[in-house]
C-alpha atoms as a PDB file:
ATOM      1  CA  MET A   1     -32.088  -3.136  -4.970  1.00  0.00           C
ATOM      2  CA  LYS A   2     -30.193  -6.254  -6.065  1.00  0.00           C
ATOM      3  CA  LYS A   3     -30.085  -5.078  -9.687  1.00  0.00           C
ATOM      4  CA  ARG A   4     -28.424  -1.856  -8.568  1.00  0.00           C
ATOM      5  CA  TRP A   5     -25.573  -3.764  -6.908  1.00  0.00           C
ATOM      6  CA  ILE A   6     -25.138  -5.920  -9.992  1.00  0.00           C
ATOM      7  CA  PHE A   7     -25.017  -2.818 -12.183  1.00  0.00           C
ATOM      8  CA  ARG A   8     -22.500  -1.107  -9.882  1.00  0.00           C
ATOM      9  CA  GLY A   9     -20.348  -4.229  -9.765  1.00  0.00           C
ATOM     10  CA  ALA A  10     -20.381  -4.554 -13.551  1.00  0.00           C
ATOM     11  CA  ALA A  11     -19.580  -0.859 -13.965  1.00  0.00           C
ATOM     12  CA  PHE A  12     -16.690  -1.168 -11.498  1.00  0.00           C
ATOM     13  CA  LEU A  13     -15.348  -4.184 -13.388  1.00  0.00           C
ATOM     14  CA  VAL A  14     -15.533  -2.334 -16.716  1.00  0.00           C
ATOM     15  CA  VAL A  15     -13.735   0.702 -15.256  1.00  0.00           C
ATOM     16  CA  MET A  16     -11.001  -1.481 -13.733  1.00  0.00           C
ATOM     17  CA  VAL A  17     -10.423  -3.351 -17.004  1.00  0.00           C
ATOM     18  CA  ALA A  18     -10.324  -0.074 -18.945  1.00  0.00           C
ATOM     19  CA  ALA A  19      -7.897   1.460 -16.424  1.00  0.00           C
ATOM     20  CA  THR A  20      -5.653  -1.610 -16.618  1.00  0.00           C
ATOM     21  CA  PHE A  21      -5.554  -1.471 -20.405  1.00  0.00           C
ATOM     22  CA  LEU A  22      -4.926   2.278 -20.364  1.00  0.00           C
ATOM     23  CA  PHE A  23      -2.098   1.877 -17.859  1.00  0.00           C
ATOM     24  CA  ALA A  24      -0.558  -0.928 -19.944  1.00  0.00           C
ATOM     25  CA  PHE A  25      -0.747   1.298 -23.019  1.00  0.00           C
ATOM     26  CA  VAL A  26       1.015   4.122 -21.143  1.00  0.00           C
ATOM     27  CA  VAL A  27       3.745   1.723 -19.968  1.00  0.00           C
ATOM     28  CA  MET A  28       4.200   0.394 -23.505  1.00  0.00           C
ATOM     29  CA  SER A  29       4.406   3.909 -24.950  1.00  0.00           C
ATOM     30  CA  LEU A  30       6.922   5.097 -22.366  1.00  0.00           C
ATOM     31  CA  TRP A  31       9.023   1.951 -22.746  1.00  0.00           C
ATOM     32  CA  ASN A  32       9.082   2.197 -26.531  1.00  0.00           C
ATOM     33  CA  TRP A  33       9.956   5.892 -26.327  1.00  0.00           C
ATOM     34  CA  LEU A  34      12.713   5.675 -23.698  1.00  0.00           C
ATOM     35  CA  VAL A  35      14.346   2.244 -23.616  1.00  0.00           C
ATOM     36  CA  PRO A  36      15.399   1.930 -27.278  1.00  0.00           C
ATOM     37  CA  ALA A  37      16.883   5.437 -27.259  1.00  0.00           C
ATOM     38  CA  LEU A  38      18.600   5.246 -23.865  1.00  0.00           C
ATOM     39  CA  PHE A  39      19.676   1.612 -23.575  1.00  0.00           C
ATOM     40  CA  ALA A  40      19.461   0.306 -27.156  1.00  0.00           C
ATOM     41  CA  GLY A  41      16.746  -2.101 -25.999  1.00  0.00           C
ATOM     42  CA  HIS A  42      13.907  -3.611 -27.991  1.00  0.00           C
ATOM     43  CA  ALA A  43      10.433  -2.186 -28.312  1.00  0.00           C
ATOM     44  CA  ILE A  44       7.679  -4.174 -26.599  1.00  0.00           C
ATOM     45  CA  THR A  45       4.116  -5.021 -27.556  1.00  0.00           C
ATOM     46  CA  PHE A  46       0.984  -4.171 -25.608  1.00  0.00           C
ATOM     47  CA  TRP A  47       0.743  -7.681 -24.168  1.00  0.00           C
ATOM     48  CA  GLN A  48       4.382  -7.611 -23.084  1.00  0.00           C
ATOM     49  CA  ALA A  49       3.723  -4.300 -21.327  1.00  0.00           C
ATOM     50  CA  LEU A  50       0.730  -5.838 -19.561  1.00  0.00           C
ATOM     51  CA  GLY A  51       2.856  -8.831 -18.545  1.00  0.00           C
ATOM     52  CA  LEU A  52       5.533  -6.450 -17.269  1.00  0.00           C
ATOM     53  CA  LEU A  53       2.939  -4.682 -15.128  1.00  0.00           C
ATOM     54  CA  ILE A  54       1.715  -7.960 -13.669  1.00  0.00           C
ATOM     55  CA  LEU A  55       5.269  -9.127 -13.000  1.00  0.00           C
ATOM     56  CA  SER A  56       6.180  -5.866 -11.293  1.00  0.00           C
ATOM     57  CA  LYS A  57       3.054  -6.103  -9.127  1.00  0.00           C
ATOM     58  CA  ILE A  58       3.998  -9.631  -8.056  1.00  0.00           C
ATOM     59  CA  LEU A  59       7.640  -8.803  -7.371  1.00  0.00           C
ATOM     60  CA  LEU A  60       7.253  -5.357  -5.812  1.00  0.00           C
ATOM     61  CA  GLY A  61       3.725  -5.200  -4.495  1.00  0.00           C
ATOM     62  CA  GLY A  62       3.037  -8.746  -3.393  1.00  0.00           C
ATOM     63  CA  LEU A  63      -0.209 -10.592  -3.857  1.00  0.00           C
ATOM     64  CA  ARG A  64      -2.243  -9.099  -1.039  1.00  0.00           C
ATOM     65  CA  LEU A  65      -5.802 -10.170  -1.524  1.00  0.00           C
ATOM     66  CA  GLY A  66      -7.219  -8.751   1.698  1.00  0.00           C
ATOM     67  CA  HIS A  67      -8.084  -5.180   2.525  1.00  0.00           C
ATOM     68  CA  GLY A  68      -6.078  -2.860   4.752  1.00  0.00           C
ATOM     69  CA  GLY A  69      -2.998  -4.795   5.860  1.00  0.00           C
ATOM     70  CA  GLY A  70      -2.889  -3.437   9.415  1.00  0.00           C
ATOM     71  CA  ALA A  71      -6.559  -2.652  10.027  1.00  0.00           C
ATOM     72  CA  HIS A  72      -7.097  -5.657  12.308  1.00  0.00           C
ATOM     73  CA  TRP A  73      -3.985  -4.865  14.342  1.00  0.00           C
ATOM     74  CA  ARG A  74      -4.945  -1.185  14.740  1.00  0.00           C
ATOM     75  CA  ARG A  75      -8.471  -2.111  15.827  1.00  0.00           C
ATOM     76  CA  ARG A  76      -7.169  -4.492  18.499  1.00  0.00           C
ATOM     77  CA  ILE A  77      -4.737  -1.888  19.865  1.00  0.00           C
ATOM     78  CA  ARG A  78      -7.479   0.760  19.925  1.00  0.00           C
ATOM     79  CA  GLU A  79      -9.808  -1.577  21.843  1.00  0.00           C
ATOM     80  CA  ARG A  80      -7.094  -2.355  24.367  1.00  0.00           C
ATOM     81  CA  TRP A  81      -6.259   1.346  24.735  1.00  0.00           C
ATOM     82  CA  GLU A  82      -9.901   2.215  25.479  1.00  0.00           C
ATOM     83  CA  HIS A  83     -10.000  -0.326  28.317  1.00  0.00           C
ATOM     84  CA  MET A  84      -6.769   0.908  29.948  1.00  0.00           C
ATOM     85  CA  THR A  85      -6.671   3.098  33.016  1.00  0.00           C
ATOM     86  CA  PRO A  86      -4.679   6.353  32.805  1.00  0.00           C
ATOM     87  CA  GLU A  87      -1.840   4.725  34.775  1.00  0.00           C
ATOM     88  CA  GLU A  88      -1.720   1.769  32.379  1.00  0.00           C
ATOM     89  CA  ARG A  89      -1.678   4.153  29.426  1.00  0.00           C
ATOM     90  CA  GLU A  90       1.268   6.076  30.858  1.00  0.00           C
ATOM     91  CA  THR A  91       3.136   2.827  31.543  1.00  0.00           C
ATOM     92  CA  PHE A  92       2.446   1.729  27.974  1.00  0.00           C
ATOM     93  CA  ARG A  93       3.740   5.058  26.623  1.00  0.00           C
ATOM     94  CA  GLN A  94       6.923   4.792  28.677  1.00  0.00           C
ATOM     95  CA  ASN A  95       7.547   1.235  27.475  1.00  0.00           C
ATOM     96  CA  MET A  96       7.002   2.223  23.833  1.00  0.00           C
ATOM     97  CA  ARG A  97       9.339   5.201  24.159  1.00  0.00           C
ATOM     98  CA  GLY A  98      12.046   2.907  25.474  1.00  0.00           C
ATOM     99  CA  ARG A  99      11.555   0.349  22.694  1.00  0.00           C
ATOM    100  CA  CYS A 100      11.321   2.777  19.818  1.00  0.00           C
ATOM    101  CA  GLY A 101      14.212   5.007  20.824  1.00  0.00           C
ATOM    102  CA  TRP A 102      12.047   7.914  21.871  1.00  0.00           C
ATOM    103  CA  ALA A 103      13.257   7.844  25.462  1.00  0.00           C
ATOM    104  CA  ARG A 104      14.075  11.329  26.617  1.00  0.00           C
ATOM    105  CA  LYS A 105      17.310  11.834  28.400  1.00  0.00           C
ATOM    106  CA  PRO A 106      16.850  13.106  31.952  1.00  0.00           C
ATOM    107  CA  VAL A 107      17.612  16.775  32.377  1.00  0.00           C
ATOM    108  CA  GLU A 108      20.766  17.283  34.406  1.00  0.00           C
ATOM    109  CA  GLU A 109      20.366  19.736  37.228  1.00  0.00           C
ATOM    110  CA  THR A 110      23.122  22.230  37.853  1.00  0.00           C
ATOM    111  CA  PRO A 111      24.187  22.710  41.484  1.00  0.00           C
END
């Protein structure tokens, strides 16, 4: 049983490394095809393309190491919702509508 997990972990690691190298190769190829022709820029090497990918991940994607950014928050809200009475749920809905701009305007009655 333990050997199976080790094998799966090693296989996952190999696939991730291969995917990273493939993605870096695609970025390098696209850069070297487009940038010199469009912007008169320099061609880049494979390692520069890999560095560019890592830099873009840091700058645009952050360094989130955990799983599912809002999973804990959603679980807490769901637990609270399950313990609410129907009246508390309706009050909660009304408060959220007012905060989020979903408040419906009252219908005007004509005389």
